[in-house]
């Protein structure tokens, strides 16, 4: 445990991802005595495994770069994307307080950001879609600054972090992809690897923190600087009431149960329910037993916050069009353990890969967002069949970009062929046989695709037609960064199963992040943020970062409300 267990505080935060820690740090800056409890050994939740991107339109870094679009353009995009789920108070709160939240953290804490100004929204053909300037990510952080707290930080997700080393988005990733082809990239990767080896030898883990790991590290450092009590391996058992008001929680630590009184209330931030079998079975149509879904979120995210909120009189919104943030996942064999879950977020858009179902047919634009690709797979899967697919590439693609857990050149592939994760065939027909795909249909799919791809076209699905598609592709591939013929062989494939990065269905709240009861009245003293709060995007996924951006913002909002401190309401 990181600190002694206190008996009381002003604000109790349950969970330690971005939403929970943003609530805690904000509240402490505002003068509240704050306790954060985390049931796992490590702090950080799903955020620590994430890319760390936050969708925050009109943020200060974008405006400093001269990107100063009007609110109405952003609202137009959200109205189109969210449809009947568009909620004016939530949208207004995000657009007004998101930029203030960024300024607040930069001014009052060690949290800082890098811009995502080139990053477009997912759906570039929608009215109001942004071509950049709506995204931020955490600035890289030196883990040495955490001191002893470094070992309380959740390590990066092993499946996507070679040797435990996270690779930053943007330039860092591009250097790794070009390490065997460009001398500056080779030298960059060599320096990164050398530093990582030294850091692991001296500290047991990498110290150059990027992405979501950097965001959590910065929040943890800020929490320590502010004197916030951080308790790991401490689980919330039930909420305490005084009349209608929530005034704390019973917690369990080291086999002992204690109560923590919280005079200003409790914030639920436990990461949603991606590993709650019963709730998945109820809300995920493709997972009738709950076991047909493989989330890449931490295994400890089992819906604790939702159950606590329901027991206190709150209710979960179950009528969203999508209850989860879908992502294609491949299962990575681990002898004697549950398989790892590799989320396929990047390589699908690169030229020289296709996705097909077992019938040998394509079903989607492979360069679309992970959520859209899974929606397409669900729609293409006949009732009663498992929603599975194959991601296929040629040898050149495999060695240049990698495929799922299989790293690009110079890493060997024999291990992955041996354990069955990677399938190989000298010809398309042989690959089809290895995967159990309809060989005749797959051959026709390849012939049709390759004929158009020779000219950089994809008439069937329009791959490469949107800014989001193109930024995910390979800019050196002309005329279309997402399209190239496949071949010659050998060919490779990994099996894709339904997965997610988290959940959207959560406790219904108001725009102050207050949990609502069955009559939609606020429950005094109870807040929900992050994936415990029902997504303000109403089960839609219009852009990358629509989880962490609102999580940070509504954590900031909840802390102000709990502290009785009004938010600024003039337009920024």
Protein backbone atom coordinates (compact mmCIF):
# COMPACT_ATOMS: atom_id res chain seq x y z
CA UNK A 1 0.00 0.00 0.00
CA UNK A 2 1.29 3.44 -0.89
CA UNK A 3 0.05 5.32 2.21
CA UNK A 4 -1.64 4.69 5.55
CA UNK A 5 -5.41 4.23 5.38
CA UNK A 6 -7.15 7.42 6.56
CA UNK A 7 -10.57 7.48 8.22
CA UNK A 8 -11.83 10.61 6.49
CA UNK A 9 -11.23 13.10 3.70
CA UNK A 10 -13.10 15.70 1.70
CA UNK A 11 -13.28 13.77 -1.59
CA UNK A 12 -12.84 10.03 -2.15
CA UNK A 13 -11.94 8.92 -5.67
CA UNK A 14 -12.39 5.24 -6.55
CA UNK A 15 -10.15 4.33 -9.48
CA UNK A 16 -6.92 5.77 -10.85
CA UNK A 17 -7.20 6.27 -14.60
CA UNK A 18 -7.25 9.68 -16.22
CA UNK A 19 -10.77 10.56 -15.08
CA UNK A 20 -10.17 9.64 -11.45
CA UNK A 21 -6.75 11.26 -11.20
CA UNK A 22 -7.94 14.40 -13.00
CA UNK A 23 -10.73 14.70 -10.42
CA UNK A 24 -8.28 14.17 -7.58
CA UNK A 25 -5.62 16.60 -8.77
CA UNK A 26 -8.17 19.30 -9.57
CA UNK A 27 -9.83 18.93 -6.18
CA UNK A 28 -6.49 19.11 -4.37
CA UNK A 29 -5.51 22.26 -6.23
CA UNK A 30 -8.86 23.73 -5.16
CA UNK A 31 -8.00 23.03 -1.54
CA UNK A 32 -9.75 19.72 -0.83
CA UNK A 33 -8.25 16.82 1.12
CA UNK A 34 -8.34 13.94 -1.38
CA UNK A 35 -7.94 10.17 -1.15
CA UNK A 36 -7.60 7.95 -4.23
CA UNK A 37 -8.06 4.19 -3.88
CA UNK A 38 -7.10 1.61 -6.51
CA UNK A 39 -7.85 -2.09 -6.09
CA UNK A 40 -4.88 -3.20 -8.19
CA UNK A 41 -1.18 -3.12 -7.37
CA UNK A 42 -0.55 -0.46 -10.02
CA UNK A 43 -2.18 2.89 -10.65
CA UNK A 44 -3.30 4.02 -14.10
CA UNK A 45 -6.13 1.76 -15.25
CA UNK A 46 -6.81 1.56 -18.96
CA UNK A 47 -5.28 5.01 -19.47
CA UNK A 48 -1.79 3.67 -18.74
CA UNK A 49 -2.18 1.20 -21.62
CA UNK A 50 -3.75 3.67 -24.02
CA UNK A 51 -2.41 5.90 -26.75
CA UNK A 52 -3.14 8.80 -24.41
CA UNK A 53 -4.97 10.92 -26.98
CA UNK A 54 -7.65 13.36 -25.88
CA UNK A 55 -10.27 14.88 -28.20
CA UNK A 56 -10.50 18.48 -26.99
CA UNK A 57 -11.60 20.92 -29.72
CA UNK A 58 -10.42 24.52 -29.51
CA UNK A 59 -7.67 23.53 -27.10
CA UNK A 60 -4.93 26.07 -26.27
CA UNK A 61 -2.19 24.32 -28.28
CA UNK A 62 -4.31 24.32 -31.42
CA UNK A 63 -5.24 27.96 -30.99
CA UNK A 64 -1.61 28.89 -30.39
CA UNK A 65 -0.87 27.30 -33.76
CA UNK A 66 -3.51 29.47 -35.44
CA UNK A 67 -6.24 26.83 -35.58
CA UNK A 68 -9.24 28.70 -34.24
CA UNK A 69 -12.37 27.12 -35.65
CA UNK A 70 -15.76 28.18 -34.41
CA UNK A 71 -17.81 26.17 -31.96
CA UNK A 72 -20.65 25.83 -34.42
CA UNK A 73 -18.50 23.81 -36.82
CA UNK A 74 -17.70 21.34 -34.04
CA UNK A 75 -21.33 21.21 -32.97
CA UNK A 76 -22.34 20.52 -36.57
CA UNK A 77 -20.04 17.50 -36.64
CA UNK A 78 -21.29 16.19 -33.31
CA UNK A 79 -24.94 16.70 -34.23
CA UNK A 80 -24.40 14.67 -37.37
CA UNK A 81 -22.38 11.96 -35.65
CA UNK A 82 -24.40 11.56 -32.46
CA UNK A 83 -27.88 11.99 -33.94
CA UNK A 84 -30.54 11.72 -31.27
CA UNK A 85 -27.77 11.11 -28.73
CA UNK A 86 -26.53 14.70 -29.08
CA UNK A 87 -26.90 16.28 -25.63
CA UNK A 88 -26.49 20.06 -25.64
CA UNK A 89 -25.45 20.51 -21.97
CA UNK A 90 -22.70 17.88 -22.26
CA UNK A 91 -21.40 19.27 -25.54
CA UNK A 92 -21.38 22.79 -24.15
CA UNK A 93 -19.54 21.62 -21.04
CA UNK A 94 -16.86 19.85 -23.09
CA UNK A 95 -16.35 22.75 -25.49
CA UNK A 96 -16.25 25.39 -22.75
CA UNK A 97 -14.41 23.55 -19.98
CA UNK A 98 -12.11 21.28 -22.00
CA UNK A 99 -9.78 24.14 -23.01
CA UNK A 100 -9.91 25.54 -19.46
CA UNK A 101 -9.01 22.12 -18.09
CA UNK A 102 -5.92 22.04 -20.30
CA UNK A 103 -4.85 25.51 -19.14
CA UNK A 104 -5.55 24.56 -15.51
CA UNK A 105 -3.35 21.46 -15.57
CA UNK A 106 -0.53 23.19 -17.40
CA UNK A 107 -0.61 26.00 -14.85
CA UNK A 108 -1.24 24.10 -11.62
CA UNK A 109 0.46 20.73 -12.11
CA UNK A 110 3.23 18.92 -13.99
CA UNK A 111 0.68 17.67 -16.54
CA UNK A 112 1.59 18.98 -19.97
CA UNK A 113 0.63 18.16 -23.52
CA UNK A 114 1.79 17.89 -27.09
CA UNK A 115 -0.52 18.87 -29.91
CA UNK A 116 -2.24 16.54 -32.32
CA UNK A 117 -2.88 19.29 -34.82
CA UNK A 118 -2.43 17.10 -37.93
CA UNK A 119 -4.87 14.42 -36.68
CA UNK A 120 -8.29 14.42 -38.37
CA UNK A 121 -11.61 13.15 -37.09
CA UNK A 122 -12.66 9.63 -38.05
CA UNK A 123 -15.42 10.54 -40.50
CA UNK A 124 -14.01 13.07 -42.92
CA UNK A 125 -17.07 13.07 -45.17
CA UNK A 126 -19.41 14.20 -42.39
CA UNK A 127 -20.38 17.87 -42.18
CA UNK A 128 -18.19 19.77 -39.76
CA UNK A 129 -15.51 17.07 -39.63
CA UNK A 130 -12.16 18.35 -38.43
CA UNK A 131 -8.97 17.87 -40.43
CA UNK A 132 -6.82 18.63 -37.39
CA UNK A 133 -6.45 20.72 -34.25
CA UNK A 134 -8.93 18.84 -32.07
CA UNK A 135 -6.51 16.45 -30.37
CA UNK A 136 -3.88 16.50 -27.63
CA UNK A 137 -1.62 13.89 -26.08
CA UNK A 138 0.44 13.84 -22.92
CA UNK A 139 3.94 15.20 -23.30
CA UNK A 140 6.64 12.51 -22.82
CA UNK A 141 7.82 12.23 -19.24
CA UNK A 142 11.03 11.11 -17.54
CA UNK A 143 10.08 8.35 -15.11
CA UNK A 144 12.93 9.33 -12.80
CA UNK A 145 10.82 12.26 -11.66
CA UNK A 146 8.36 9.84 -10.05
CA UNK A 147 10.98 8.54 -7.63
CA UNK A 148 9.72 5.54 -5.66
CA UNK A 149 6.26 6.07 -7.18
CA UNK A 150 7.65 4.77 -10.51
CA UNK A 151 6.98 1.18 -9.47
CA UNK A 152 3.36 2.00 -8.62
CA UNK A 153 2.73 3.00 -12.26
CA UNK A 154 1.12 0.35 -14.45
CA UNK A 155 3.67 -0.84 -17.04
CA UNK A 156 2.78 -0.50 -20.74
CA UNK A 157 0.65 -3.19 -22.38
CA UNK A 158 3.11 -5.98 -23.19
CA UNK A 159 1.46 -6.86 -26.52
CA UNK A 160 2.16 -3.44 -28.03
CA UNK A 161 5.34 -2.47 -26.16
CA UNK A 162 8.44 -4.35 -27.38
CA UNK A 163 10.60 -5.27 -24.39
CA UNK A 164 8.30 -3.12 -22.26
CA UNK A 165 9.11 0.00 -24.28
CA UNK A 166 6.21 2.14 -25.39
CA UNK A 167 6.57 3.77 -28.80
CA UNK A 168 5.23 7.29 -29.08
CA UNK A 169 2.70 8.31 -31.70
CA UNK A 170 3.80 10.38 -34.65
CA UNK A 171 7.50 10.81 -35.38
CA UNK A 172 8.67 8.16 -32.91
CA UNK A 173 6.48 5.49 -34.52
CA UNK A 174 7.53 6.52 -38.01
CA UNK A 175 11.18 6.11 -37.08
CA UNK A 176 10.51 2.56 -35.87
CA UNK A 177 8.66 1.72 -39.08
CA UNK A 178 11.54 3.04 -41.20
CA UNK A 179 14.43 1.83 -39.04
CA UNK A 180 15.71 -0.66 -41.64
CA UNK A 181 15.28 1.74 -44.55
CA UNK A 182 16.53 5.16 -43.42
CA UNK A 183 19.74 5.96 -41.55
CA UNK A 184 18.26 8.75 -39.34
CA UNK A 185 15.45 6.39 -38.30
CA UNK A 186 17.92 3.58 -37.61
CA UNK A 187 19.96 5.88 -35.38
CA UNK A 188 16.84 7.12 -33.57
CA UNK A 189 15.71 3.56 -32.84
CA UNK A 190 19.23 2.56 -31.78
CA UNK A 191 19.32 5.42 -29.27
CA UNK A 192 15.86 4.56 -27.96
CA UNK A 193 16.74 0.89 -27.53
CA UNK A 194 20.07 1.67 -25.89
CA UNK A 195 18.43 4.00 -23.38
CA UNK A 196 15.70 1.47 -22.69
CA UNK A 197 18.23 -1.30 -21.98
CA UNK A 198 20.10 0.96 -19.55
CA UNK A 199 16.87 2.07 -17.86
CA UNK A 200 15.67 -1.51 -17.40
CA UNK A 201 19.00 -2.54 -15.96
CA UNK A 202 19.04 0.34 -13.49
CA UNK A 203 15.34 0.77 -12.67
CA UNK A 204 13.58 -2.42 -13.78
CA UNK A 205 11.51 -0.68 -16.46
CA UNK A 206 11.69 1.98 -19.15
CA UNK A 207 11.93 5.59 -18.04
CA UNK A 208 11.08 7.38 -21.28
CA UNK A 209 7.31 7.46 -20.76
CA UNK A 210 4.97 8.30 -23.62
CA UNK A 211 1.29 8.09 -24.56
CA UNK A 212 -1.15 7.15 -21.79
CA UNK A 213 1.69 5.98 -19.56
CA UNK A 214 3.07 9.52 -19.60
CA UNK A 215 -0.35 10.99 -18.83
CA UNK A 216 -0.79 8.81 -15.74
CA UNK A 217 2.81 9.45 -14.65
CA UNK A 218 2.28 13.19 -14.84
CA UNK A 219 -0.99 12.93 -12.92
CA UNK A 220 0.62 10.72 -10.25
CA UNK A 221 3.54 13.11 -9.86
CA UNK A 222 1.09 15.99 -9.51
CA UNK A 223 -0.93 14.04 -6.95
CA UNK A 224 2.16 13.37 -4.87
CA UNK A 225 3.25 17.01 -5.09
CA UNK A 226 -0.19 18.05 -3.80
CA UNK A 227 -0.21 15.61 -0.90
CA UNK A 228 -3.03 13.43 -2.19
CA UNK A 229 -3.30 10.10 -0.37
CA UNK A 230 -2.86 7.31 -2.93
CA UNK A 231 -3.88 3.83 -1.78
CA UNK A 232 -3.29 0.82 -4.02
CA UNK A 233 -4.56 -2.73 -3.38
CA UNK A 234 -7.58 -1.13 -1.75
CA UNK A 235 -11.06 -2.01 -3.05
CA UNK A 236 -14.36 -0.21 -2.50
CA UNK A 237 -17.00 -2.57 -1.10
CA UNK A 238 -20.01 -0.30 -0.66
CA UNK A 239 -20.91 3.37 -0.49
CA UNK A 240 -21.92 5.07 2.74
CA UNK A 241 -25.06 7.17 3.07
CA UNK A 242 -26.23 9.89 5.36
CA UNK A 243 -29.87 10.20 4.37
CA UNK A 244 -29.85 10.73 0.61
CA UNK A 245 -26.25 11.88 0.50
CA UNK A 246 -23.23 9.69 -0.28
CA UNK A 247 -20.62 10.38 2.39
CA UNK A 248 -17.87 7.83 1.85
CA UNK A 249 -17.26 4.14 1.35
CA UNK A 250 -16.40 0.90 3.06
CA UNK A 251 -13.09 -0.30 1.65
CA UNK A 252 -11.05 -3.46 1.96
CA UNK A 253 -7.28 -3.57 2.18
CA UNK A 254 -5.02 -6.45 3.23
CA UNK A 255 -8.08 -8.43 4.27
CA UNK A 256 -9.36 -5.71 6.59
CA UNK A 257 -12.47 -3.60 6.12
CA UNK A 258 -12.56 0.06 7.12
CA UNK A 259 -14.70 3.06 6.35
CA UNK A 260 -13.49 6.29 4.80
CA UNK A 261 -15.80 9.23 5.38
CA UNK A 262 -15.88 11.77 2.51
CA UNK A 263 -17.58 15.03 3.40
CA UNK A 264 -17.67 16.33 -0.18
CA UNK A 265 -18.59 13.07 -1.84
CA UNK A 266 -17.28 10.14 -3.87
CA UNK A 267 -16.11 9.96 -7.49
CA UNK A 268 -16.57 6.62 -9.30
CA UNK A 269 -13.81 6.09 -11.87
CA UNK A 270 -13.21 2.34 -12.05
CA UNK A 271 -12.99 1.92 -15.82
CA UNK A 272 -16.36 0.56 -16.86
CA UNK A 273 -17.22 -3.12 -17.35
CA UNK A 274 -15.09 -4.66 -20.15
CA UNK A 275 -14.50 -7.79 -18.07
CA UNK A 276 -17.91 -8.16 -16.40
CA UNK A 277 -19.27 -11.32 -18.03
CA UNK A 278 -22.88 -10.81 -16.98
CA UNK A 279 -23.09 -7.22 -18.19
CA UNK A 280 -21.33 -8.04 -21.44
CA UNK A 281 -23.78 -10.87 -22.04
CA UNK A 282 -26.65 -8.45 -21.46
CA UNK A 283 -25.33 -5.56 -23.57
CA UNK A 284 -23.05 -7.04 -26.28
CA UNK A 285 -25.18 -8.82 -28.92
CA UNK A 286 -22.12 -10.60 -30.33
CA UNK A 287 -21.24 -12.08 -26.91
CA UNK A 288 -24.30 -14.05 -25.69
CA UNK A 289 -22.35 -15.62 -22.82
CA UNK A 290 -20.02 -12.66 -22.29
CA UNK A 291 -17.06 -14.87 -23.23
CA UNK A 292 -17.16 -14.14 -26.97
CA UNK A 293 -15.59 -10.71 -26.45
CA UNK A 294 -11.90 -10.03 -25.77
CA UNK A 295 -11.21 -6.57 -24.40
CA UNK A 296 -7.71 -5.10 -24.39
CA UNK A 297 -8.53 -3.20 -21.18
CA UNK A 298 -7.07 -4.38 -17.85
CA UNK A 299 -8.65 -7.54 -16.46
CA UNK A 300 -9.55 -5.77 -13.20
CA UNK A 301 -12.08 -3.52 -14.97
CA UNK A 302 -15.07 -5.62 -13.93
CA UNK A 303 -17.80 -3.03 -13.47
CA UNK A 304 -17.23 -2.23 -9.79
CA UNK A 305 -18.17 1.43 -10.17
CA UNK A 306 -21.38 0.63 -12.00
CA UNK A 307 -22.47 -1.80 -9.30
CA UNK A 308 -21.65 0.70 -6.55
CA UNK A 309 -23.60 3.40 -8.37
CA UNK A 310 -26.61 1.14 -8.94
CA UNK A 311 -26.66 0.12 -5.27
CA UNK A 312 -26.77 3.82 -4.41
CA UNK A 313 -29.80 4.40 -6.65
CA UNK A 314 -28.12 5.20 -9.96
CA UNK A 315 -28.84 3.46 -13.24
CA UNK A 316 -26.84 2.37 -16.26
CA UNK A 317 -27.85 3.61 -19.70
CA UNK A 318 -28.48 0.44 -21.70
CA UNK A 319 -30.07 1.85 -24.85
CA UNK A 320 -26.91 3.09 -26.60
CA UNK A 321 -26.38 1.89 -30.19
CA UNK A 322 -23.01 0.49 -29.09
CA UNK A 323 -22.22 -0.37 -25.49
CA UNK A 324 -18.48 -0.65 -26.11
CA UNK A 325 -15.60 1.02 -27.93
CA UNK A 326 -15.09 -1.81 -30.40
CA UNK A 327 -11.68 -2.79 -31.73
CA UNK A 328 -10.37 -5.73 -33.76
CA UNK A 329 -8.21 -7.92 -31.52
CA UNK A 330 -5.99 -10.93 -32.11
CA UNK A 331 -5.33 -13.46 -29.35
CA UNK A 332 -1.65 -13.87 -28.49
CA UNK A 333 -0.79 -17.35 -27.11
CA UNK A 334 0.79 -17.39 -23.66
CA UNK A 335 1.59 -20.90 -22.38
CA UNK A 336 -0.28 -21.62 -19.17
CA UNK A 337 -1.99 -18.22 -19.19
CA UNK A 338 -4.97 -16.52 -20.78
CA UNK A 339 -4.04 -15.24 -24.23
CA UNK A 340 -2.92 -11.66 -24.61
CA UNK A 341 -5.13 -9.30 -26.59
CA UNK A 342 -3.44 -7.30 -29.34
CA UNK A 343 -5.59 -4.35 -30.52
CA UNK A 344 -5.13 -3.76 -34.26
CA UNK A 345 -5.23 0.02 -34.41
CA UNK A 346 -2.58 1.03 -36.94
CA UNK A 347 -1.34 -1.53 -39.46
CA UNK A 348 -4.71 -2.19 -41.14
CA UNK A 349 -4.48 1.08 -43.08
CA UNK A 350 -1.04 0.43 -44.49
CA UNK A 351 -0.83 -0.57 -48.18
CA UNK A 352 -0.66 -4.33 -48.70
CA UNK A 353 -3.19 -5.76 -46.22
CA UNK A 354 -6.77 -7.00 -46.46
CA UNK A 355 -9.43 -8.22 -44.05
CA UNK A 356 -11.83 -11.01 -44.98
CA UNK A 357 -14.33 -13.22 -43.24
CA UNK A 358 -14.17 -16.99 -43.44
CA UNK A 359 -16.18 -16.83 -46.67
CA UNK A 360 -13.20 -15.12 -48.34
CA UNK A 361 -14.97 -11.79 -48.85
CA UNK A 362 -13.90 -8.36 -47.71
CA UNK A 363 -16.46 -6.62 -45.52
CA UNK A 364 -15.03 -3.17 -44.78
CA UNK A 365 -12.65 -0.36 -45.55
CA UNK A 366 -9.64 -1.67 -43.60
CA UNK A 367 -8.29 1.86 -43.10
CA UNK A 368 -11.37 3.06 -41.24
CA UNK A 369 -11.36 3.43 -37.46
CA UNK A 370 -11.14 0.34 -35.29
CA UNK A 371 -14.71 0.92 -34.08
CA UNK A 372 -16.05 1.22 -37.63
CA UNK A 373 -14.24 -1.93 -38.77
CA UNK A 374 -15.83 -3.94 -35.98
CA UNK A 375 -19.28 -2.49 -36.72
CA UNK A 376 -18.82 -3.65 -40.30
CA UNK A 377 -17.79 -7.13 -39.13
CA UNK A 378 -20.83 -7.42 -36.87
CA UNK A 379 -23.09 -6.34 -39.74
CA UNK A 380 -21.51 -8.85 -42.15
CA UNK A 381 -21.70 -11.83 -39.76
CA UNK A 382 -24.80 -14.03 -40.20
CA UNK A 383 -26.86 -14.68 -37.08
CA UNK A 384 -25.49 -17.54 -35.03
CA UNK A 385 -21.95 -17.32 -36.42
CA UNK A 386 -18.99 -15.96 -34.45
CA UNK A 387 -17.89 -12.48 -35.53
CA UNK A 388 -14.39 -13.39 -36.69
CA UNK A 389 -12.16 -12.36 -39.57
CA UNK A 390 -8.63 -12.68 -40.93
CA UNK A 391 -6.14 -9.87 -41.43
CA UNK A 392 -3.96 -10.86 -44.40
CA UNK A 393 -0.76 -9.43 -45.83
CA UNK A 394 2.16 -10.35 -48.06
CA UNK A 395 5.77 -10.95 -47.03
CA UNK A 396 6.89 -7.43 -47.88
CA UNK A 397 4.19 -5.94 -45.66
CA UNK A 398 4.96 -8.30 -42.77
CA UNK A 399 8.64 -7.42 -42.68
CA UNK A 400 8.04 -3.71 -43.09
CA UNK A 401 5.09 -3.04 -40.78
CA UNK A 402 4.60 -6.22 -38.77
CA UNK A 403 1.23 -7.90 -38.29
CA UNK A 404 -0.33 -7.72 -34.85
CA UNK A 405 2.09 -9.08 -32.27
CA UNK A 406 4.56 -10.07 -35.01
CA UNK A 407 7.20 -7.35 -35.18
CA UNK A 408 8.68 -6.08 -38.45
CA UNK A 409 12.21 -6.77 -39.62
CA UNK A 410 14.66 -7.62 -38.02
CA UNK A 411 12.57 -9.53 -35.47
CA UNK A 412 12.13 -13.23 -36.31
CA UNK A 413 8.75 -14.75 -37.13
CA UNK A 414 9.44 -18.47 -36.51
CA UNK A 415 8.04 -18.40 -32.98
CA UNK A 416 4.72 -16.99 -34.16
CA UNK A 417 4.40 -19.56 -36.90
CA UNK A 418 5.21 -22.29 -34.40
CA UNK A 419 2.58 -21.34 -31.84
CA UNK A 420 -0.13 -20.88 -34.46
CA UNK A 421 -0.65 -17.15 -33.99
CA UNK A 422 0.64 -16.43 -37.51
CA UNK A 423 -0.58 -18.46 -40.48
CA UNK A 424 1.42 -18.72 -43.71
CA UNK A 425 0.87 -19.98 -47.24
CA UNK A 426 3.11 -19.86 -50.29
CA UNK A 427 0.02 -19.01 -52.34
CA UNK A 428 -3.36 -17.52 -51.59
CA UNK A 429 -4.92 -20.97 -51.86
CA UNK A 430 -2.44 -22.41 -49.36
CA UNK A 431 -3.08 -19.55 -46.95
CA UNK A 432 -6.81 -20.10 -47.27
CA UNK A 433 -6.35 -23.78 -46.43
CA UNK A 434 -4.22 -22.91 -43.37
CA UNK A 435 -6.90 -20.52 -42.09
CA UNK A 436 -10.02 -22.41 -43.09
CA UNK A 437 -11.09 -19.68 -45.53
CA UNK A 438 -13.05 -20.38 -48.73
CA UNK A 439 -10.11 -20.62 -51.14
CA UNK A 440 -11.97 -19.97 -54.41
CA UNK A 441 -13.73 -16.91 -53.06
CA UNK A 442 -10.53 -15.57 -51.44
CA UNK A 443 -8.68 -15.95 -54.73
CA UNK A 444 -11.37 -13.93 -56.52
CA UNK A 445 -11.26 -11.29 -53.77
CA UNK A 446 -7.51 -10.91 -54.25
CA UNK A 447 -7.76 -10.72 -58.01
CA UNK A 448 -10.48 -8.06 -57.86
CA UNK A 449 -8.68 -6.01 -55.25
CA UNK A 450 -5.27 -6.20 -56.91
CA UNK A 451 -6.59 -5.18 -60.32
CA UNK A 452 -7.83 -1.84 -58.94
CA UNK A 453 -5.02 -1.48 -56.40
CA UNK A 454 -2.47 -1.38 -59.21
CA UNK A 455 -3.88 2.11 -59.93
CA UNK A 456 -4.22 3.03 -56.24
CA UNK A 457 -7.98 2.54 -56.21
CA UNK A 458 -10.44 0.65 -54.01
CA UNK A 459 -13.80 1.00 -55.75
CA UNK A 460 -15.49 -1.52 -53.44
CA UNK A 461 -14.89 0.27 -50.11
CA UNK A 462 -13.11 3.56 -50.90
CA UNK A 463 -9.99 2.86 -48.88
CA UNK A 464 -7.90 6.02 -48.67
CA UNK A 465 -10.78 8.39 -49.43
CA UNK A 466 -10.78 10.29 -46.11
CA UNK A 467 -8.11 12.30 -44.26
CA UNK A 468 -8.20 9.78 -41.39
CA UNK A 469 -7.58 6.90 -43.80
CA UNK A 470 -4.68 8.70 -45.41
CA UNK A 471 -2.91 9.76 -42.23
CA UNK A 472 -2.95 6.12 -41.10
CA UNK A 473 -1.41 4.96 -44.39
CA UNK A 474 2.10 5.24 -45.80
CA UNK A 475 2.72 8.69 -47.34
CA UNK A 476 5.41 7.38 -49.67
CA UNK A 477 2.87 5.06 -51.35
CA UNK A 478 1.54 6.86 -54.43
CA UNK A 479 -1.09 7.74 -55.49
CA UNK A 480 -2.98 6.27 -52.52
CA UNK A 481 -1.18 5.87 -49.16
CA UNK A 482 -3.54 3.07 -48.14
CA UNK A 483 -3.68 0.94 -51.27
CA UNK A 484 -1.16 -1.35 -52.97
CA UNK A 485 -1.49 -4.78 -54.62
CA UNK A 486 -0.66 -7.82 -52.51
CA UNK A 487 2.02 -10.21 -53.68
CA UNK A 488 4.18 -11.96 -54.45
CA UNK A 489 3.89 -14.61 -51.76
CA UNK A 490 4.31 -15.98 -49.25
CA UNK A 491 1.19 -14.63 -47.59
CA UNK A 492 0.37 -14.36 -43.88
CA UNK A 493 -2.70 -13.93 -41.69
CA UNK A 494 -3.79 -13.54 -38.08
CA UNK A 495 -7.26 -14.28 -36.77
CA UNK A 496 -9.34 -11.29 -35.66
CA UNK A 497 -11.93 -11.61 -32.88
CA UNK A 498 -14.30 -9.05 -31.30
CA UNK A 499 -12.60 -6.80 -28.81
CA UNK A 500 -12.73 -3.33 -27.34
CA UNK A 501 -10.68 -0.57 -25.78
CA UNK A 502 -13.32 -0.01 -23.10
CA UNK A 503 -17.05 0.48 -22.64
CA UNK A 504 -19.48 3.28 -23.44
CA UNK A 505 -22.54 2.23 -21.41
CA UNK A 506 -22.22 3.63 -17.90
CA UNK A 507 -24.02 5.39 -15.11
CA UNK A 508 -26.32 8.15 -16.28
CA UNK A 509 -25.12 11.53 -15.06
CA UNK A 510 -25.83 15.17 -15.66
CA UNK A 511 -23.31 17.54 -17.21
CA UNK A 512 -21.82 18.19 -13.76
CA UNK A 513 -20.89 14.48 -13.64
CA UNK A 514 -23.44 13.88 -10.85
CA UNK A 515 -24.94 10.37 -10.92
CA UNK A 516 -28.70 10.47 -11.52
CA UNK A 517 -31.32 8.31 -9.85
CA UNK A 518 -34.30 6.61 -11.48
CA UNK A 519 -36.15 9.96 -11.67
CA UNK A 520 -33.06 11.60 -13.23
CA UNK A 521 -32.44 13.61 -10.06
CA UNK A 522 -28.81 13.98 -8.88
CA UNK A 523 -27.73 11.72 -6.02
CA UNK A 524 -26.03 14.14 -3.61
CA UNK A 525 -22.34 13.48 -3.19
CA UNK A 526 -21.97 10.90 -5.98
CA UNK A 527 -20.09 11.51 -9.23
CA UNK A 528 -19.00 9.27 -12.10
CA UNK A 529 -16.29 10.00 -14.65
CA UNK A 530 -14.36 8.13 -17.32
CA UNK A 531 -15.98 4.89 -18.41
CA UNK A 532 -18.12 4.70 -15.28
CA UNK A 533 -19.99 7.69 -16.70
CA UNK A 534 -22.21 6.88 -19.67
CA UNK A 535 -20.34 8.26 -22.67
CA UNK A 536 -21.40 11.73 -23.74
CA UNK A 537 -20.88 10.42 -27.28
CA UNK A 538 -23.95 8.20 -26.76
CA UNK A 539 -22.39 5.01 -28.04
CA UNK A 540 -20.82 6.66 -31.09
CA UNK A 541 -17.14 7.06 -31.95
CA UNK A 542 -16.57 10.23 -33.99
CA UNK A 543 -12.84 10.67 -33.31
CA UNK A 544 -9.84 9.28 -31.50
CA UNK A 545 -9.60 10.48 -27.91
CA UNK A 546 -13.33 10.79 -27.22
CA UNK A 547 -12.85 8.74 -24.05
CA UNK A 548 -9.88 10.50 -22.43
CA UNK A 549 -10.79 14.05 -23.49
CA UNK A 550 -14.18 13.94 -21.75
CA UNK A 551 -12.73 11.89 -18.86
CA UNK A 552 -10.21 14.62 -18.05
CA UNK A 553 -12.75 17.39 -18.60
CA UNK A 554 -15.57 15.91 -16.52
CA UNK A 555 -13.09 14.94 -13.81
CA UNK A 556 -12.18 18.62 -13.67
CA UNK A 557 -15.88 19.56 -13.65
CA UNK A 558 -16.78 17.04 -10.91
CA UNK A 559 -14.02 18.33 -8.64
CA UNK A 560 -15.26 21.91 -8.96
CA UNK A 561 -18.80 20.87 -8.13
CA UNK A 562 -17.71 18.75 -5.17
CA UNK A 563 -15.65 21.66 -3.88
CA UNK A 564 -18.53 24.09 -4.26
CA UNK A 565 -16.46 26.22 -6.62
CA UNK A 566 -18.27 27.57 -9.70
CA UNK A 567 -16.82 26.91 -13.13
CA UNK A 568 -15.99 29.87 -15.30
CA UNK A 569 -18.80 30.25 -17.82
CA UNK A 570 -17.49 32.85 -20.22
CA UNK A 571 -16.55 31.55 -23.64
CA UNK A 572 -12.86 30.78 -24.07
